Amino acid sequence: ARQLALAPARCVYVGDDHRDVLADR
């Protein structure tokens, strides 16, 4: 999000592992 200069809440993350969802949240 910092690299994109965006607030995290304005990003969506797509992943195929439970860890991805945990990191997302």
PDBML (XML) file of the C-alpha atoms, coordinates in Angstrom:
<?xml version="1.0" encoding="UTF-8" ?>
<PDBx:datablock datablockName="MODEL"
   xmlns:PDBx="http://pdbml.pdb.org/schema/pdbx-v50.xsd"
   xmlns:xsi="http://www.w3.org/2001/XMLSchema-instance"
   xsi:schemaLocation="http://pdbml.pdb.org/schema/pdbx-v50.xsd pdbx-v50.xsd">
   <PDBx:atom_siteCategory>
      <PDBx:atom_site id="1">
         <PDBx:B_iso_or_equiv>0.00</PDBx:B_iso_or_equiv>
         <PDBx:Cartn_x>0.000</PDBx:Cartn_x>
         <PDBx:Cartn_y>0.000</PDBx:Cartn_y>
         <PDBx:Cartn_z>0.000</PDBx:Cartn_z>
         <PDBx:auth_asym_id>A</PDBx:auth_asym_id>
         <PDBx:auth_atom_id>CA</PDBx:auth_atom_id>
         <PDBx:auth_comp_id>ALA</PDBx:auth_comp_id>
         <PDBx:auth_seq_id>1</PDBx:auth_seq_id>
         <PDBx:group_PDB>ATOM</PDBx:group_PDB>
         <PDBx:label_alt_id xsi:nil="true" />
         <PDBx:label_asym_id>A</PDBx:label_asym_id>
         <PDBx:label_atom_id>CA</PDBx:label_atom_id>
         <PDBx:label_comp_id>ALA</PDBx:label_comp_id>
         <PDBx:label_entity_id>1</PDBx:label_entity_id>
         <PDBx:label_seq_id>1</PDBx:label_seq_id>
         <PDBx:occupancy>1.00</PDBx:occupancy>
         <PDBx:pdbx_PDB_model_num>1</PDBx:pdbx_PDB_model_num>
         <PDBx:type_symbol>C</PDBx:type_symbol>
      </PDBx:atom_site>
      <PDBx:atom_site id="2">
         <PDBx:B_iso_or_equiv>0.00</PDBx:B_iso_or_equiv>
         <PDBx:Cartn_x>2.877</PDBx:Cartn_x>
         <PDBx:Cartn_y>2.363</PDBx:Cartn_y>
         <PDBx:Cartn_z>0.763</PDBx:Cartn_z>
         <PDBx:auth_asym_id>A</PDBx:auth_asym_id>
         <PDBx:auth_atom_id>CA</PDBx:auth_atom_id>
         <PDBx:auth_comp_id>ARG</PDBx:auth_comp_id>
         <PDBx:auth_seq_id>2</PDBx:auth_seq_id>
         <PDBx:group_PDB>ATOM</PDBx:group_PDB>
         <PDBx:label_alt_id xsi:nil="true" />
         <PDBx:label_asym_id>A</PDBx:label_asym_id>
         <PDBx:label_atom_id>CA</PDBx:label_atom_id>
         <PDBx:label_comp_id>ARG</PDBx:label_comp_id>
         <PDBx:label_entity_id>1</PDBx:label_entity_id>
         <PDBx:label_seq_id>2</PDBx:label_seq_id>
         <PDBx:occupancy>1.00</PDBx:occupancy>
         <PDBx:pdbx_PDB_model_num>1</PDBx:pdbx_PDB_model_num>
         <PDBx:type_symbol>C</PDBx:type_symbol>
      </PDBx:atom_site>
      <PDBx:atom_site id="3">
         <PDBx:B_iso_or_equiv>0.00</PDBx:B_iso_or_equiv>
         <PDBx:Cartn_x>4.466</PDBx:Cartn_x>
         <PDBx:Cartn_y>1.608</PDBx:Cartn_y>
         <PDBx:Cartn_z>-2.613</PDBx:Cartn_z>
         <PDBx:auth_asym_id>A</PDBx:auth_asym_id>
         <PDBx:auth_atom_id>CA</PDBx:auth_atom_id>
         <PDBx:auth_comp_id>GLN</PDBx:auth_comp_id>
         <PDBx:auth_seq_id>3</PDBx:auth_seq_id>
         <PDBx:group_PDB>ATOM</PDBx:group_PDB>
         <PDBx:label_alt_id xsi:nil="true" />
         <PDBx:label_asym_id>A</PDBx:label_asym_id>
         <PDBx:label_atom_id>CA</PDBx:label_atom_id>
         <PDBx:label_comp_id>GLN</PDBx:label_comp_id>
         <PDBx:label_entity_id>1</PDBx:label_entity_id>
         <PDBx:label_seq_id>3</PDBx:label_seq_id>
         <PDBx:occupancy>1.00</PDBx:occupancy>
         <PDBx:pdbx_PDB_model_num>1</PDBx:pdbx_PDB_model_num>
         <PDBx:type_symbol>C</PDBx:type_symbol>
      </PDBx:atom_site>
      <PDBx:atom_site id="4">
         <PDBx:B_iso_or_equiv>0.00</PDBx:B_iso_or_equiv>
         <PDBx:Cartn_x>1.152</PDBx:Cartn_x>
         <PDBx:Cartn_y>2.449</PDBx:Cartn_y>
         <PDBx:Cartn_z>-4.270</PDBx:Cartn_z>
         <PDBx:auth_asym_id>A</PDBx:auth_asym_id>
         <PDBx:auth_atom_id>CA</PDBx:auth_atom_id>
         <PDBx:auth_comp_id>LEU</PDBx:auth_comp_id>
         <PDBx:auth_seq_id>4</PDBx:auth_seq_id>
         <PDBx:group_PDB>ATOM</PDBx:group_PDB>
         <PDBx:label_alt_id xsi:nil="true" />
         <PDBx:label_asym_id>A</PDBx:label_asym_id>
         <PDBx:label_atom_id>CA</PDBx:label_atom_id>
         <PDBx:label_comp_id>LEU</PDBx:label_comp_id>
         <PDBx:label_entity_id>1</PDBx:label_entity_id>
         <PDBx:label_seq_id>4</PDBx:label_seq_id>
         <PDBx:occupancy>1.00</PDBx:occupancy>
         <PDBx:pdbx_PDB_model_num>1</PDBx:pdbx_PDB_model_num>
         <PDBx:type_symbol>C</PDBx:type_symbol>
      </PDBx:atom_site>
      <PDBx:atom_site id="5">
         <PDBx:B_iso_or_equiv>0.00</PDBx:B_iso_or_equiv>
         <PDBx:Cartn_x>0.689</PDBx:Cartn_x>
         <PDBx:Cartn_y>5.563</PDBx:Cartn_y>
         <PDBx:Cartn_z>-2.087</PDBx:Cartn_z>
         <PDBx:auth_asym_id>A</PDBx:auth_asym_id>
         <PDBx:auth_atom_id>CA</PDBx:auth_atom_id>
         <PDBx:auth_comp_id>ALA</PDBx:auth_comp_id>
         <PDBx:auth_seq_id>5</PDBx:auth_seq_id>
         <PDBx:group_PDB>ATOM</PDBx:group_PDB>
         <PDBx:label_alt_id xsi:nil="true" />
         <PDBx:label_asym_id>A</PDBx:label_asym_id>
         <PDBx:label_atom_id>CA</PDBx:label_atom_id>
         <PDBx:label_comp_id>ALA</PDBx:label_comp_id>
         <PDBx:label_entity_id>1</PDBx:label_entity_id>
         <PDBx:label_seq_id>5</PDBx:label_seq_id>
         <PDBx:occupancy>1.00</PDBx:occupancy>
         <PDBx:pdbx_PDB_model_num>1</PDBx:pdbx_PDB_model_num>
         <PDBx:type_symbol>C</PDBx:type_symbol>
      </PDBx:atom_site>
      <PDBx:atom_site id="6">
         <PDBx:B_iso_or_equiv>0.00</PDBx:B_iso_or_equiv>
         <PDBx:Cartn_x>-2.765</PDBx:Cartn_x>
         <PDBx:Cartn_y>4.320</PDBx:Cartn_y>
         <PDBx:Cartn_z>-1.074</PDBx:Cartn_z>
         <PDBx:auth_asym_id>A</PDBx:auth_asym_id>
         <PDBx:auth_atom_id>CA</PDBx:auth_atom_id>
         <PDBx:auth_comp_id>LEU</PDBx:auth_comp_id>
         <PDBx:auth_seq_id>6</PDBx:auth_seq_id>
         <PDBx:group_PDB>ATOM</PDBx:group_PDB>
         <PDBx:label_alt_id xsi:nil="true" />
         <PDBx:label_asym_id>A</PDBx:label_asym_id>
         <PDBx:label_atom_id>CA</PDBx:label_atom_id>
         <PDBx:label_comp_id>LEU</PDBx:label_comp_id>
         <PDBx:label_entity_id>1</PDBx:label_entity_id>
         <PDBx:label_seq_id>6</PDBx:label_seq_id>
         <PDBx:occupancy>1.00</PDBx:occupancy>
         <PDBx:pdbx_PDB_model_num>1</PDBx:pdbx_PDB_model_num>
         <PDBx:type_symbol>C</PDBx:type_symbol>
      </PDBx:atom_site>
      <PDBx:atom_site id="7">
         <PDBx:B_iso_or_equiv>0.00</PDBx:B_iso_or_equiv>
         <PDBx:Cartn_x>-4.544</PDBx:Cartn_x>
         <PDBx:Cartn_y>3.747</PDBx:Cartn_y>
         <PDBx:Cartn_z>2.208</PDBx:Cartn_z>
         <PDBx:auth_asym_id>A</PDBx:auth_asym_id>
         <PDBx:auth_atom_id>CA</PDBx:auth_atom_id>
         <PDBx:auth_comp_id>ALA</PDBx:auth_comp_id>
         <PDBx:auth_seq_id>7</PDBx:auth_seq_id>
         <PDBx:group_PDB>ATOM</PDBx:group_PDB>
         <PDBx:label_alt_id xsi:nil="true" />
         <PDBx:label_asym_id>A</PDBx:label_asym_id>
         <PDBx:label_atom_id>CA</PDBx:label_atom_id>
         <PDBx:label_comp_id>ALA</PDBx:label_comp_id>
         <PDBx:label_entity_id>1</PDBx:label_entity_id>
         <PDBx:label_seq_id>7</PDBx:label_seq_id>
         <PDBx:occupancy>1.00</PDBx:occupancy>
         <PDBx:pdbx_PDB_model_num>1</PDBx:pdbx_PDB_model_num>
         <PDBx:type_symbol>C</PDBx:type_symbol>
      </PDBx:atom_site>
      <PDBx:atom_site id="8">
         <PDBx:B_iso_or_equiv>0.00</PDBx:B_iso_or_equiv>
         <PDBx:Cartn_x>-4.688</PDBx:Cartn_x>
         <PDBx:Cartn_y>-0.001</PDBx:Cartn_y>
         <PDBx:Cartn_z>2.939</PDBx:Cartn_z>
         <PDBx:auth_asym_id>A</PDBx:auth_asym_id>
         <PDBx:auth_atom_id>CA</PDBx:auth_atom_id>
         <PDBx:auth_comp_id>PRO</PDBx:auth_comp_id>
         <PDBx:auth_seq_id>8</PDBx:auth_seq_id>
         <PDBx:group_PDB>ATOM</PDBx:group_PDB>
         <PDBx:label_alt_id xsi:nil="true" />
         <PDBx:label_asym_id>A</PDBx:label_asym_id>
         <PDBx:label_atom_id>CA</PDBx:label_atom_id>
         <PDBx:label_comp_id>PRO</PDBx:label_comp_id>
         <PDBx:label_entity_id>1</PDBx:label_entity_id>
         <PDBx:label_seq_id>8</PDBx:label_seq_id>
         <PDBx:occupancy>1.00</PDBx:occupancy>
         <PDBx:pdbx_PDB_model_num>1</PDBx:pdbx_PDB_model_num>
         <PDBx:type_symbol>C</PDBx:type_symbol>
      </PDBx:atom_site>
      <PDBx:atom_site id="9">
         <PDBx:B_iso_or_equiv>0.00</PDBx:B_iso_or_equiv>
         <PDBx:Cartn_x>-8.481</PDBx:Cartn_x>
         <PDBx:Cartn_y>0.161</PDBx:Cartn_y>
         <PDBx:Cartn_z>3.134</PDBx:Cartn_z>
         <PDBx:auth_asym_id>A</PDBx:auth_asym_id>
         <PDBx:auth_atom_id>CA</PDBx:auth_atom_id>
         <PDBx:auth_comp_id>ALA</PDBx:auth_comp_id>
         <PDBx:auth_seq_id>9</PDBx:auth_seq_id>
         <PDBx:group_PDB>ATOM</PDBx:group_PDB>
         <PDBx:label_alt_id xsi:nil="true" />
         <PDBx:label_asym_id>A</PDBx:label_asym_id>
         <PDBx:label_atom_id>CA</PDBx:label_atom_id>
         <PDBx:label_comp_id>ALA</PDBx:label_comp_id>
         <PDBx:label_entity_id>1</PDBx:label_entity_id>
         <PDBx:label_seq_id>9</PDBx:label_seq_id>
         <PDBx:occupancy>1.00</PDBx:occupancy>
         <PDBx:pdbx_PDB_model_num>1</PDBx:pdbx_PDB_model_num>
         <PDBx:type_symbol>C</PDBx:type_symbol>
      </PDBx:atom_site>
      <PDBx:atom_site id="10">
         <PDBx:B_iso_or_equiv>0.00</PDBx:B_iso_or_equiv>
         <PDBx:Cartn_x>-8.568</PDBx:Cartn_x>
         <PDBx:Cartn_y>1.162</PDBx:Cartn_y>
         <PDBx:Cartn_z>-0.544</PDBx:Cartn_z>
         <PDBx:auth_asym_id>A</PDBx:auth_asym_id>
         <PDBx:auth_atom_id>CA</PDBx:auth_atom_id>
         <PDBx:auth_comp_id>ARG</PDBx:auth_comp_id>
         <PDBx:auth_seq_id>10</PDBx:auth_seq_id>
         <PDBx:group_PDB>ATOM</PDBx:group_PDB>
         <PDBx:label_alt_id xsi:nil="true" />
         <PDBx:label_asym_id>A</PDBx:label_asym_id>
         <PDBx:label_atom_id>CA</PDBx:label_atom_id>
         <PDBx:label_comp_id>ARG</PDBx:label_comp_id>
         <PDBx:label_entity_id>1</PDBx:label_entity_id>
         <PDBx:label_seq_id>10</PDBx:label_seq_id>
         <PDBx:occupancy>1.00</PDBx:occupancy>
         <PDBx:pdbx_PDB_model_num>1</PDBx:pdbx_PDB_model_num>
         <PDBx:type_symbol>C</PDBx:type_symbol>
      </PDBx:atom_site>
      <PDBx:atom_site id="11">
         <PDBx:B_iso_or_equiv>0.00</PDBx:B_iso_or_equiv>
         <PDBx:Cartn_x>-6.794</PDBx:Cartn_x>
         <PDBx:Cartn_y>-2.049</PDBx:Cartn_y>
         <PDBx:Cartn_z>-1.614</PDBx:Cartn_z>
         <PDBx:auth_asym_id>A</PDBx:auth_asym_id>
         <PDBx:auth_atom_id>CA</PDBx:auth_atom_id>
         <PDBx:auth_comp_id>CYS</PDBx:auth_comp_id>
         <PDBx:auth_seq_id>11</PDBx:auth_seq_id>
         <PDBx:group_PDB>ATOM</PDBx:group_PDB>
         <PDBx:label_alt_id xsi:nil="true" />
         <PDBx:label_asym_id>A</PDBx:label_asym_id>
         <PDBx:label_atom_id>CA</PDBx:label_atom_id>
         <PDBx:label_comp_id>CYS</PDBx:label_comp_id>
         <PDBx:label_entity_id>1</PDBx:label_entity_id>
         <PDBx:label_seq_id>11</PDBx:label_seq_id>
         <PDBx:occupancy>1.00</PDBx:occupancy>
         <PDBx:pdbx_PDB_model_num>1</PDBx:pdbx_PDB_model_num>
         <PDBx:type_symbol>C</PDBx:type_symbol>
      </PDBx:atom_site>
      <PDBx:atom_site id="12">
         <PDBx:B_iso_or_equiv>0.00</PDBx:B_iso_or_equiv>
         <PDBx:Cartn_x>-8.068</PDBx:Cartn_x>
         <PDBx:Cartn_y>-5.573</PDBx:Cartn_y>
         <PDBx:Cartn_z>-2.143</PDBx:Cartn_z>
         <PDBx:auth_asym_id>A</PDBx:auth_asym_id>
         <PDBx:auth_atom_id>CA</PDBx:auth_atom_id>
         <PDBx:auth_comp_id>VAL</PDBx:auth_comp_id>
         <PDBx:auth_seq_id>12</PDBx:auth_seq_id>
         <PDBx:group_PDB>ATOM</PDBx:group_PDB>
         <PDBx:label_alt_id xsi:nil="true" />
         <PDBx:label_asym_id>A</PDBx:label_asym_id>
         <PDBx:label_atom_id>CA</PDBx:label_atom_id>
         <PDBx:label_comp_id>VAL</PDBx:label_comp_id>
         <PDBx:label_entity_id>1</PDBx:label_entity_id>
         <PDBx:label_seq_id>12</PDBx:label_seq_id>
         <PDBx:occupancy>1.00</PDBx:occupancy>
         <PDBx:pdbx_PDB_model_num>1</PDBx:pdbx_PDB_model_num>
         <PDBx:type_symbol>C</PDBx:type_symbol>
      </PDBx:atom_site>
      <PDBx:atom_site id="13">
         <PDBx:B_iso_or_equiv>0.00</PDBx:B_iso_or_equiv>
         <PDBx:Cartn_x>-5.835</PDBx:Cartn_x>
         <PDBx:Cartn_y>-8.632</PDBx:Cartn_y>
         <PDBx:Cartn_z>-1.834</PDBx:Cartn_z>
         <PDBx:auth_asym_id>A</PDBx:auth_asym_id>
         <PDBx:auth_atom_id>CA</PDBx:auth_atom_id>
         <PDBx:auth_comp_id>TYR</PDBx:auth_comp_id>
         <PDBx:auth_seq_id>13</PDBx:auth_seq_id>
         <PDBx:group_PDB>ATOM</PDBx:group_PDB>
         <PDBx:label_alt_id xsi:nil="true" />
         <PDBx:label_asym_id>A</PDBx:label_asym_id>
         <PDBx:label_atom_id>CA</PDBx:label_atom_id>
         <PDBx:label_comp_id>TYR</PDBx:label_comp_id>
         <PDBx:label_entity_id>1</PDBx:label_entity_id>
         <PDBx:label_seq_id>13</PDBx:label_seq_id>
         <PDBx:occupancy>1.00</PDBx:occupancy>
         <PDBx:pdbx_PDB_model_num>1</PDBx:pdbx_PDB_model_num>
         <PDBx:type_symbol>C</PDBx:type_symbol>
      </PDBx:atom_site>
      <PDBx:atom_site id="14">
         <PDBx:B_iso_or_equiv>0.00</PDBx:B_iso_or_equiv>
         <PDBx:Cartn_x>-6.443</PDBx:Cartn_x>
         <PDBx:Cartn_y>-11.929</PDBx:Cartn_y>
         <PDBx:Cartn_z>-3.623</PDBx:Cartn_z>
         <PDBx:auth_asym_id>A</PDBx:auth_asym_id>
         <PDBx:auth_atom_id>CA</PDBx:auth_atom_id>
         <PDBx:auth_comp_id>VAL</PDBx:auth_comp_id>
         <PDBx:auth_seq_id>14</PDBx:auth_seq_id>
         <PDBx:group_PDB>ATOM</PDBx:group_PDB>
         <PDBx:label_alt_id xsi:nil="true" />
         <PDBx:label_asym_id>A</PDBx:label_asym_id>
         <PDBx:label_atom_id>CA</PDBx:label_atom_id>
         <PDBx:label_comp_id>VAL</PDBx:label_comp_id>
         <PDBx:label_entity_id>1</PDBx:label_entity_id>
         <PDBx:label_seq_id>14</PDBx:label_seq_id>
         <PDBx:occupancy>1.00</PDBx:occupancy>
         <PDBx:pdbx_PDB_model_num>1</PDBx:pdbx_PDB_model_num>
         <PDBx:type_symbol>C</PDBx:type_symbol>
      </PDBx:atom_site>
      <PDBx:atom_site id="15">
         <PDBx:B_iso_or_equiv>0.00</PDBx:B_iso_or_equiv>
         <PDBx:Cartn_x>-4.743</PDBx:Cartn_x>
         <PDBx:Cartn_y>-15.071</PDBx:Cartn_y>
         <PDBx:Cartn_z>-2.326</PDBx:Cartn_z>
         <PDBx:auth_asym_id>A</PDBx:auth_asym_id>
         <PDBx:auth_atom_id>CA</PDBx:auth_atom_id>
         <PDBx:auth_comp_id>GLY</PDBx:auth_comp_id>
         <PDBx:auth_seq_id>15</PDBx:auth_seq_id>
         <PDBx:group_PDB>ATOM</PDBx:group_PDB>
         <PDBx:label_alt_id xsi:nil="true" />
         <PDBx:label_asym_id>A</PDBx:label_asym_id>
         <PDBx:label_atom_id>CA</PDBx:label_atom_id>
         <PDBx:label_comp_id>GLY</PDBx:label_comp_id>
         <PDBx:label_entity_id>1</PDBx:label_entity_id>
         <PDBx:label_seq_id>15</PDBx:label_seq_id>
         <PDBx:occupancy>1.00</PDBx:occupancy>
         <PDBx:pdbx_PDB_model_num>1</PDBx:pdbx_PDB_model_num>
         <PDBx:type_symbol>C</PDBx:type_symbol>
      </PDBx:atom_site>
      <PDBx:atom_site id="16">
         <PDBx:B_iso_or_equiv>0.00</PDBx:B_iso_or_equiv>
         <PDBx:Cartn_x>-5.014</PDBx:Cartn_x>
         <PDBx:Cartn_y>-18.848</PDBx:Cartn_y>
         <PDBx:Cartn_z>-2.235</PDBx:Cartn_z>
         <PDBx:auth_asym_id>A</PDBx:auth_asym_id>
         <PDBx:auth_atom_id>CA</PDBx:auth_atom_id>
         <PDBx:auth_comp_id>ASP</PDBx:auth_comp_id>
         <PDBx:auth_seq_id>16</PDBx:auth_seq_id>
         <PDBx:group_PDB>ATOM</PDBx:group_PDB>
         <PDBx:label_alt_id xsi:nil="true" />
         <PDBx:label_asym_id>A</PDBx:label_asym_id>
         <PDBx:label_atom_id>CA</PDBx:label_atom_id>
         <PDBx:label_comp_id>ASP</PDBx:label_comp_id>
         <PDBx:label_entity_id>1</PDBx:label_entity_id>
         <PDBx:label_seq_id>16</PDBx:label_seq_id>
         <PDBx:occupancy>1.00</PDBx:occupancy>
         <PDBx:pdbx_PDB_model_num>1</PDBx:pdbx_PDB_model_num>
         <PDBx:type_symbol>C</PDBx:type_symbol>
      </PDBx:atom_site>
      <PDBx:atom_site id="17">
         <PDBx:B_iso_or_equiv>0.00</PDBx:B_iso_or_equiv>
         <PDBx:Cartn_x>-3.859</PDBx:Cartn_x>
         <PDBx:Cartn_y>-19.517</PDBx:Cartn_y>
         <PDBx:Cartn_z>1.331</PDBx:Cartn_z>
         <PDBx:auth_asym_id>A</PDBx:auth_asym_id>
         <PDBx:auth_atom_id>CA</PDBx:auth_atom_id>
         <PDBx:auth_comp_id>ASP</PDBx:auth_comp_id>
         <PDBx:auth_seq_id>17</PDBx:auth_seq_id>
         <PDBx:group_PDB>ATOM</PDBx:group_PDB>
         <PDBx:label_alt_id xsi:nil="true" />
         <PDBx:label_asym_id>A</PDBx:label_asym_id>
         <PDBx:label_atom_id>CA</PDBx:label_atom_id>
         <PDBx:label_comp_id>ASP</PDBx:label_comp_id>
         <PDBx:label_entity_id>1</PDBx:label_entity_id>
         <PDBx:label_seq_id>17</PDBx:label_seq_id>
         <PDBx:occupancy>1.00</PDBx:occupancy>
         <PDBx:pdbx_PDB_model_num>1</PDBx:pdbx_PDB_model_num>
         <PDBx:type_symbol>C</PDBx:type_symbol>
      </PDBx:atom_site>
      <PDBx:atom_site id="18">
         <PDBx:B_iso_or_equiv>0.00</PDBx:B_iso_or_equiv>
         <PDBx:Cartn_x>-5.473</PDBx:Cartn_x>
         <PDBx:Cartn_y>-18.980</PDBx:Cartn_y>
         <PDBx:Cartn_z>4.718</PDBx:Cartn_z>
         <PDBx:auth_asym_id>A</PDBx:auth_asym_id>
         <PDBx:auth_atom_id>CA</PDBx:auth_atom_id>
         <PDBx:auth_comp_id>HIS</PDBx:auth_comp_id>
         <PDBx:auth_seq_id>18</PDBx:auth_seq_id>
         <PDBx:group_PDB>ATOM</PDBx:group_PDB>
         <PDBx:label_alt_id xsi:nil="true" />
         <PDBx:label_asym_id>A</PDBx:label_asym_id>
         <PDBx:label_atom_id>CA</PDBx:label_atom_id>
         <PDBx:label_comp_id>HIS</PDBx:label_comp_id>
         <PDBx:label_entity_id>1</PDBx:label_entity_id>
         <PDBx:label_seq_id>18</PDBx:label_seq_id>
         <PDBx:occupancy>1.00</PDBx:occupancy>
         <PDBx:pdbx_PDB_model_num>1</PDBx:pdbx_PDB_model_num>
         <PDBx:type_symbol>C</PDBx:type_symbol>
      </PDBx:atom_site>
      <PDBx:atom_site id="19">
         <PDBx:B_iso_or_equiv>0.00</PDBx:B_iso_or_equiv>
         <PDBx:Cartn_x>-2.450</PDBx:Cartn_x>
         <PDBx:Cartn_y>-16.859</PDBx:Cartn_y>
         <PDBx:Cartn_z>5.662</PDBx:Cartn_z>
         <PDBx:auth_asym_id>A</PDBx:auth_asym_id>
         <PDBx:auth_atom_id>CA</PDBx:auth_atom_id>
         <PDBx:auth_comp_id>ARG</PDBx:auth_comp_id>
         <PDBx:auth_seq_id>19</PDBx:auth_seq_id>
         <PDBx:group_PDB>ATOM</PDBx:group_PDB>
         <PDBx:label_alt_id xsi:nil="true" />
         <PDBx:label_asym_id>A</PDBx:label_asym_id>
         <PDBx:label_atom_id>CA</PDBx:label_atom_id>
         <PDBx:label_comp_id>ARG</PDBx:label_comp_id>
         <PDBx:label_entity_id>1</PDBx:label_entity_id>
         <PDBx:label_seq_id>19</PDBx:label_seq_id>
         <PDBx:occupancy>1.00</PDBx:occupancy>
         <PDBx:pdbx_PDB_model_num>1</PDBx:pdbx_PDB_model_num>
         <PDBx:type_symbol>C</PDBx:type_symbol>
      </PDBx:atom_site>
      <PDBx:atom_site id="20">
         <PDBx:B_iso_or_equiv>0.00</PDBx:B_iso_or_equiv>
         <PDBx:Cartn_x>-3.409</PDBx:Cartn_x>
         <PDBx:Cartn_y>-14.430</PDBx:Cartn_y>
         <PDBx:Cartn_z>2.901</PDBx:Cartn_z>
         <PDBx:auth_asym_id>A</PDBx:auth_asym_id>
         <PDBx:auth_atom_id>CA</PDBx:auth_atom_id>
         <PDBx:auth_comp_id>ASP</PDBx:auth_comp_id>
         <PDBx:auth_seq_id>20</PDBx:auth_seq_id>
         <PDBx:group_PDB>ATOM</PDBx:group_PDB>
         <PDBx:label_alt_id xsi:nil="true" />
         <PDBx:label_asym_id>A</PDBx:label_asym_id>
         <PDBx:label_atom_id>CA</PDBx:label_atom_id>
         <PDBx:label_comp_id>ASP</PDBx:label_comp_id>
         <PDBx:label_entity_id>1</PDBx:label_entity_id>
         <PDBx:label_seq_id>20</PDBx:label_seq_id>
         <PDBx:occupancy>1.00</PDBx:occupancy>
         <PDBx:pdbx_PDB_model_num>1</PDBx:pdbx_PDB_model_num>
         <PDBx:type_symbol>C</PDBx:type_symbol>
      </PDBx:atom_site>
      <PDBx:atom_site id="21">
         <PDBx:B_iso_or_equiv>0.00</PDBx:B_iso_or_equiv>
         <PDBx:Cartn_x>-6.812</PDBx:Cartn_x>
         <PDBx:Cartn_y>-13.814</PDBx:Cartn_y>
         <PDBx:Cartn_z>4.442</PDBx:Cartn_z>
         <PDBx:auth_asym_id>A</PDBx:auth_asym_id>
         <PDBx:auth_atom_id>CA</PDBx:auth_atom_id>
         <PDBx:auth_comp_id>VAL</PDBx:auth_comp_id>
         <PDBx:auth_seq_id>21</PDBx:auth_seq_id>
         <PDBx:group_PDB>ATOM</PDBx:group_PDB>
         <PDBx:label_alt_id xsi:nil="true" />
         <PDBx:label_asym_id>A</PDBx:label_asym_id>
         <PDBx:label_atom_id>CA</PDBx:label_atom_id>
         <PDBx:label_comp_id>VAL</PDBx:label_comp_id>
         <PDBx:label_entity_id>1</PDBx:label_entity_id>
         <PDBx:label_seq_id>21</PDBx:label_seq_id>
         <PDBx:occupancy>1.00</PDBx:occupancy>
         <PDBx:pdbx_PDB_model_num>1</PDBx:pdbx_PDB_model_num>
         <PDBx:type_symbol>C</PDBx:type_symbol>
      </PDBx:atom_site>
      <PDBx:atom_site id="22">
         <PDBx:B_iso_or_equiv>0.00</PDBx:B_iso_or_equiv>
         <PDBx:Cartn_x>-5.300</PDBx:Cartn_x>
         <PDBx:Cartn_y>-13.423</PDBx:Cartn_y>
         <PDBx:Cartn_z>7.913</PDBx:Cartn_z>
         <PDBx:auth_asym_id>A</PDBx:auth_asym_id>
         <PDBx:auth_atom_id>CA</PDBx:auth_atom_id>
         <PDBx:auth_comp_id>LEU</PDBx:auth_comp_id>
         <PDBx:auth_seq_id>22</PDBx:auth_seq_id>
         <PDBx:group_PDB>ATOM</PDBx:group_PDB>
         <PDBx:label_alt_id xsi:nil="true" />
         <PDBx:label_asym_id>A</PDBx:label_asym_id>
         <PDBx:label_atom_id>CA</PDBx:label_atom_id>
         <PDBx:label_comp_id>LEU</PDBx:label_comp_id>
         <PDBx:label_entity_id>1</PDBx:label_entity_id>
         <PDBx:label_seq_id>22</PDBx:label_seq_id>
         <PDBx:occupancy>1.00</PDBx:occupancy>
         <PDBx:pdbx_PDB_model_num>1</PDBx:pdbx_PDB_model_num>
         <PDBx:type_symbol>C</PDBx:type_symbol>
      </PDBx:atom_site>
      <PDBx:atom_site id="23">
         <PDBx:B_iso_or_equiv>0.00</PDBx:B_iso_or_equiv>
         <PDBx:Cartn_x>-2.816</PDBx:Cartn_x>
         <PDBx:Cartn_y>-10.867</PDBx:Cartn_y>
         <PDBx:Cartn_z>6.568</PDBx:Cartn_z>
         <PDBx:auth_asym_id>A</PDBx:auth_asym_id>
         <PDBx:auth_atom_id>CA</PDBx:auth_atom_id>
         <PDBx:auth_comp_id>ALA</PDBx:auth_comp_id>
         <PDBx:auth_seq_id>23</PDBx:auth_seq_id>
         <PDBx:group_PDB>ATOM</PDBx:group_PDB>
         <PDBx:label_alt_id xsi:nil="true" />
         <PDBx:label_asym_id>A</PDBx:label_asym_id>
         <PDBx:label_atom_id>CA</PDBx:label_atom_id>
         <PDBx:label_comp_id>ALA</PDBx:label_comp_id>
         <PDBx:label_entity_id>1</PDBx:label_entity_id>
         <PDBx:label_seq_id>23</PDBx:label_seq_id>
         <PDBx:occupancy>1.00</PDBx:occupancy>
         <PDBx:pdbx_PDB_model_num>1</PDBx:pdbx_PDB_model_num>
         <PDBx:type_symbol>C</PDBx:type_symbol>
      </PDBx:atom_site>
      <PDBx:atom_site id="24">
         <PDBx:B_iso_or_equiv>0.00</PDBx:B_iso_or_equiv>
         <PDBx:Cartn_x>-5.614</PDBx:Cartn_x>
         <PDBx:Cartn_y>-9.098</PDBx:Cartn_y>
         <PDBx:Cartn_z>4.689</PDBx:Cartn_z>
         <PDBx:auth_asym_id>A</PDBx:auth_asym_id>
         <PDBx:auth_atom_id>CA</PDBx:auth_atom_id>
         <PDBx:auth_comp_id>ASP</PDBx:auth_comp_id>
         <PDBx:auth_seq_id>24</PDBx:auth_seq_id>
         <PDBx:group_PDB>ATOM</PDBx:group_PDB>
         <PDBx:label_alt_id xsi:nil="true" />
         <PDBx:label_asym_id>A</PDBx:label_asym_id>
         <PDBx:label_atom_id>CA</PDBx:label_atom_id>
         <PDBx:label_comp_id>ASP</PDBx:label_comp_id>
         <PDBx:label_entity_id>1</PDBx:label_entity_id>
         <PDBx:label_seq_id>24</PDBx:label_seq_id>
         <PDBx:occupancy>1.00</PDBx:occupancy>
         <PDBx:pdbx_PDB_model_num>1</PDBx:pdbx_PDB_model_num>
         <PDBx:type_symbol>C</PDBx:type_symbol>
      </PDBx:atom_site>
      <PDBx:atom_site id="25">
         <PDBx:B_iso_or_equiv>0.00</PDBx:B_iso_or_equiv>
         <PDBx:Cartn_x>-7.769</PDBx:Cartn_x>
         <PDBx:Cartn_y>-8.722</PDBx:Cartn_y>
         <PDBx:Cartn_z>7.740</PDBx:Cartn_z>
         <PDBx:auth_asym_id>A</PDBx:auth_asym_id>
         <PDBx:auth_atom_id>CA</PDBx:auth_atom_id>
         <PDBx:auth_comp_id>ARG</PDBx:auth_comp_id>
         <PDBx:auth_seq_id>25</PDBx:auth_seq_id>
         <PDBx:group_PDB>ATOM</PDBx:group_PDB>
         <PDBx:label_alt_id xsi:nil="true" />
         <PDBx:label_asym_id>A</PDBx:label_asym_id>
         <PDBx:label_atom_id>CA</PDBx:label_atom_id>
         <PDBx:label_comp_id>ARG</PDBx:label_comp_id>
         <PDBx:label_entity_id>1</PDBx:label_entity_id>
         <PDBx:label_seq_id>25</PDBx:label_seq_id>
         <PDBx:occupancy>1.00</PDBx:occupancy>
         <PDBx:pdbx_PDB_model_num>1</PDBx:pdbx_PDB_model_num>
         <PDBx:type_symbol>C</PDBx:type_symbol>
      </PDBx:atom_site>
   </PDBx:atom_siteCategory>
</PDBx:datablock>
